[in-house]
Amino acid sequence: MGVQWLESPFERRSIQHAMKVRDQDGKVLGRVACIGQTVLFVRQRFSREVWAVPLTRVERVTGKGVYVAGREHEVLEPEAGRLRTEIVTAIHPLAEPPSTRLEGARQAHA
């Protein structure tokens, strides 16, 4: 994520429960059911089945949802019991780039 991400009013700084998850083409894959340590758990509309999307695939988070790299069949993995073994949460804060943290620290000390 670049510096433009921090300056854009349309970008979000965290992934939250019930946000739409979209593939690289903008197709809705489902909504965030919960967030694990390594994956997003996604539930598709009118389905009880839960799928997993690796957090490493997340490209950006906007007001329209979470965008992931790849298409539907590449991105969605079977949940395979990970929902019971991972520590889950409803919000996953995204880290800011290191240069931004340093600039913030400099401004705080100035």
C-alpha atoms as a PDB file:
ATOM      1  CA  MET A   1       0.000   0.000   0.000  1.00  0.00           C
ATOM      2  CA  GLY A   2       1.389   3.324  -1.000  1.00  0.00           C
ATOM      3  CA  VAL A   3       1.311   6.809   0.456  1.00  0.00           C
ATOM      4  CA  GLN A   4      -1.705   7.665  -1.730  1.00  0.00           C
ATOM      5  CA  TRP A   5      -3.694   5.146   0.321  1.00  0.00           C
ATOM      6  CA  LEU A   6      -3.200   7.225   3.454  1.00  0.00           C
ATOM      7  CA  GLU A   7      -4.257  10.450   1.729  1.00  0.00           C
ATOM      8  CA  SER A   8      -7.385   9.090   0.022  1.00  0.00           C
ATOM      9  CA  PRO A   9     -10.723   9.711   1.771  1.00  0.00           C
ATOM     10  CA  PHE A  10     -12.107   6.548   0.130  1.00  0.00           C
ATOM     11  CA  GLU A  11      -9.608   4.114   1.630  1.00  0.00           C
ATOM     12  CA  ARG A  12     -10.227   2.507   5.008  1.00  0.00           C
ATOM     13  CA  ARG A  13      -7.639   1.554   7.590  1.00  0.00           C
ATOM     14  CA  SER A  14      -9.256  -1.629   8.876  1.00  0.00           C
ATOM     15  CA  ILE A  15     -11.183  -4.656   7.705  1.00  0.00           C
ATOM     16  CA  GLN A  16     -14.480  -5.049   9.540  1.00  0.00           C
ATOM     17  CA  HIS A  17     -17.191  -7.665   9.960  1.00  0.00           C
ATOM     18  CA  ALA A  18     -19.832  -7.735   7.170  1.00  0.00           C
ATOM     19  CA  MET A  19     -17.733  -5.837   4.598  1.00  0.00           C
ATOM     20  CA  LYS A  20     -18.044  -7.081   1.019  1.00  0.00           C
ATOM     21  CA  VAL A  21     -15.100  -9.062  -0.311  1.00  0.00           C
ATOM     22  CA  ARG A  22     -14.396  -8.497  -4.021  1.00  0.00           C
ATOM     23  CA  ASP A  23     -11.990 -10.175  -6.427  1.00  0.00           C
ATOM     24  CA  GLN A  24      -9.649  -8.306  -8.765  1.00  0.00           C
ATOM     25  CA  ASP A  25     -12.477  -7.847 -11.296  1.00  0.00           C
ATOM     26  CA  GLY A  26     -14.820  -6.345  -8.694  1.00  0.00           C
ATOM     27  CA  LYS A  27     -17.074  -9.420  -8.431  1.00  0.00           C
ATOM     28  CA  VAL A  28     -18.512  -9.843  -4.925  1.00  0.00           C
ATOM     29  CA  LEU A  29     -17.259 -13.087  -3.371  1.00  0.00           C
ATOM     30  CA  GLY A  30     -19.257 -12.673  -0.158  1.00  0.00           C
ATOM     31  CA  ARG A  31     -19.110 -10.785   3.128  1.00  0.00           C
ATOM     32  CA  VAL A  32     -16.582 -10.962   5.947  1.00  0.00           C
ATOM     33  CA  ALA A  33     -17.967 -13.363   8.571  1.00  0.00           C
ATOM     34  CA  CYS A  34     -14.956 -12.917  10.867  1.00  0.00           C
ATOM     35  CA  ILE A  35     -11.223 -12.369  10.633  1.00  0.00           C
ATOM     36  CA  GLY A  36      -8.629 -14.900  11.733  1.00  0.00           C
ATOM     37  CA  GLN A  37      -4.904 -14.540  12.257  1.00  0.00           C
ATOM     38  CA  THR A  38      -4.065 -15.576   8.690  1.00  0.00           C
ATOM     39  CA  VAL A  39      -7.374 -15.585   6.770  1.00  0.00           C
ATOM     40  CA  LEU A  40     -10.644 -13.754   6.249  1.00  0.00           C
ATOM     41  CA  PHE A  41     -13.656 -15.989   6.708  1.00  0.00           C
ATOM     42  CA  VAL A  42     -16.196 -15.189   4.012  1.00  0.00           C
ATOM     43  CA  ARG A  43     -19.847 -16.199   3.850  1.00  0.00           C
ATOM     44  CA  GLN A  44     -21.628 -16.042   0.525  1.00  0.00           C
ATOM     45  CA  ARG A  45     -25.156 -14.715   0.240  1.00  0.00           C
ATOM     46  CA  PHE A  46     -27.928 -17.182   1.175  1.00  0.00           C
ATOM     47  CA  SER A  47     -25.380 -19.822   2.178  1.00  0.00           C
ATOM     48  CA  ARG A  48     -24.225 -21.234   5.498  1.00  0.00           C
ATOM     49  CA  GLU A  49     -20.946 -22.374   3.995  1.00  0.00           C
ATOM     50  CA  VAL A  50     -17.869 -20.418   5.081  1.00  0.00           C
ATOM     51  CA  TRP A  51     -14.818 -19.939   2.860  1.00  0.00           C
ATOM     52  CA  ALA A  52     -11.320 -18.724   3.718  1.00  0.00           C
ATOM     53  CA  VAL A  53      -9.366 -16.002   1.908  1.00  0.00           C
ATOM     54  CA  PRO A  54      -5.698 -15.557   2.936  1.00  0.00           C
ATOM     55  CA  LEU A  55      -4.915 -12.108   4.374  1.00  0.00           C
ATOM     56  CA  THR A  56      -1.840 -12.029   2.129  1.00  0.00           C
ATOM     57  CA  ARG A  57      -4.215 -11.694  -0.837  1.00  0.00           C
ATOM     58  CA  VAL A  58      -5.738  -8.426   0.438  1.00  0.00           C
ATOM     59  CA  GLU A  59      -4.742  -5.588  -1.908  1.00  0.00           C
ATOM     60  CA  ARG A  60      -6.770  -2.677  -0.586  1.00  0.00           C
ATOM     61  CA  VAL A  61      -9.740  -1.811   1.582  1.00  0.00           C
ATOM     62  CA  THR A  62     -12.188   0.872   0.480  1.00  0.00           C
ATOM     63  CA  GLY A  63     -15.647   2.012   1.412  1.00  0.00           C
ATOM     64  CA  LYS A  64     -16.970  -0.501  -1.133  1.00  0.00           C
ATOM     65  CA  GLY A  65     -15.232  -3.461   0.477  1.00  0.00           C
ATOM     66  CA  VAL A  66     -12.092  -5.564   0.666  1.00  0.00           C
ATOM     67  CA  TYR A  67     -10.343  -6.131  -2.670  1.00  0.00           C
ATOM     68  CA  VAL A  68      -8.243  -9.277  -3.033  1.00  0.00           C
ATOM     69  CA  ALA A  69      -5.696 -10.306  -5.674  1.00  0.00           C
ATOM     70  CA  GLY A  70      -6.927 -13.059  -7.958  1.00  0.00           C
ATOM     71  CA  ARG A  71     -10.238 -14.371  -9.219  1.00  0.00           C
ATOM     72  CA  GLU A  72     -12.937 -16.257  -7.323  1.00  0.00           C
ATOM     73  CA  HIS A  73     -11.625 -19.792  -7.898  1.00  0.00           C
ATOM     74  CA  GLU A  74      -8.025 -18.792  -7.080  1.00  0.00           C
ATOM     75  CA  VAL A  75      -8.860 -16.889  -3.917  1.00  0.00           C
ATOM     76  CA  LEU A  76     -11.548 -18.880  -2.102  1.00  0.00           C
ATOM     77  CA  GLU A  77     -10.241 -21.828  -0.106  1.00  0.00           C
ATOM     78  CA  PRO A  78     -12.258 -24.354   1.892  1.00  0.00           C
ATOM     79  CA  GLU A  79     -12.562 -23.387   5.544  1.00  0.00           C
ATOM     80  CA  ALA A  80     -11.380 -26.899   6.582  1.00  0.00           C
ATOM     81  CA  GLY A  81     -11.811 -26.430  10.337  1.00  0.00           C
ATOM     82  CA  ARG A  82      -9.700 -23.273  10.580  1.00  0.00           C
ATOM     83  CA  LEU A  83     -12.620 -21.385  12.108  1.00  0.00           C
ATOM     84  CA  ARG A  84     -12.255 -23.498  15.253  1.00  0.00           C
ATOM     85  CA  THR A  85      -8.456 -23.281  15.473  1.00  0.00           C
ATOM     86  CA  GLU A  86      -7.762 -19.609  14.714  1.00  0.00           C
ATOM     87  CA  ILE A  87      -8.291 -16.700  17.067  1.00  0.00           C
ATOM     88  CA  VAL A  88     -11.023 -14.665  15.392  1.00  0.00           C
ATOM     89  CA  THR A  89     -12.059 -11.029  15.653  1.00  0.00           C
ATOM     90  CA  ALA A  90     -14.543  -8.633  14.048  1.00  0.00           C
ATOM     91  CA  ILE A  91     -11.982  -5.917  13.176  1.00  0.00           C
ATOM     92  CA  HIS A  92      -8.498  -6.265  11.677  1.00  0.00           C
ATOM     93  CA  PRO A  93      -6.504  -2.997  11.707  1.00  0.00           C
ATOM     94  CA  LEU A  94      -4.157  -2.655   8.760  1.00  0.00           C
ATOM     95  CA  ALA A  95      -0.603  -1.550   9.467  1.00  0.00           C
ATOM     96  CA  GLU A  96       0.556   1.768   8.118  1.00  0.00           C
ATOM     97  CA  PRO A  97       3.729   1.909   6.042  1.00  0.00           C
ATOM     98  CA  PRO A  98       6.895   2.357   8.184  1.00  0.00           C
ATOM     99  CA  SER A  99       7.702   5.775   6.683  1.00  0.00           C
ATOM    100  CA  THR A 100       4.346   7.139   7.852  1.00  0.00           C
ATOM    101  CA  ARG A 101       4.894   5.957  11.412  1.00  0.00           C
ATOM    102  CA  LEU A 102       8.273   7.697  11.481  1.00  0.00           C
ATOM    103  CA  GLU A 103       6.805  10.948  10.166  1.00  0.00           C
ATOM    104  CA  GLY A 104       4.060  10.786  12.808  1.00  0.00           C
ATOM    105  CA  ALA A 105       6.643  10.237  15.544  1.00  0.00           C
ATOM    106  CA  ARG A 106       8.696  13.188  14.304  1.00  0.00           C
ATOM    107  CA  GLN A 107       5.643  15.469  14.365  1.00  0.00           C
ATOM    108  CA  ALA A 108       4.709  14.328  17.871  1.00  0.00           C
ATOM    109  CA  HIS A 109       8.183  15.146  19.219  1.00  0.00           C
ATOM    110  CA  ALA A 110       8.459  18.487  17.406  1.00  0.00           C
END
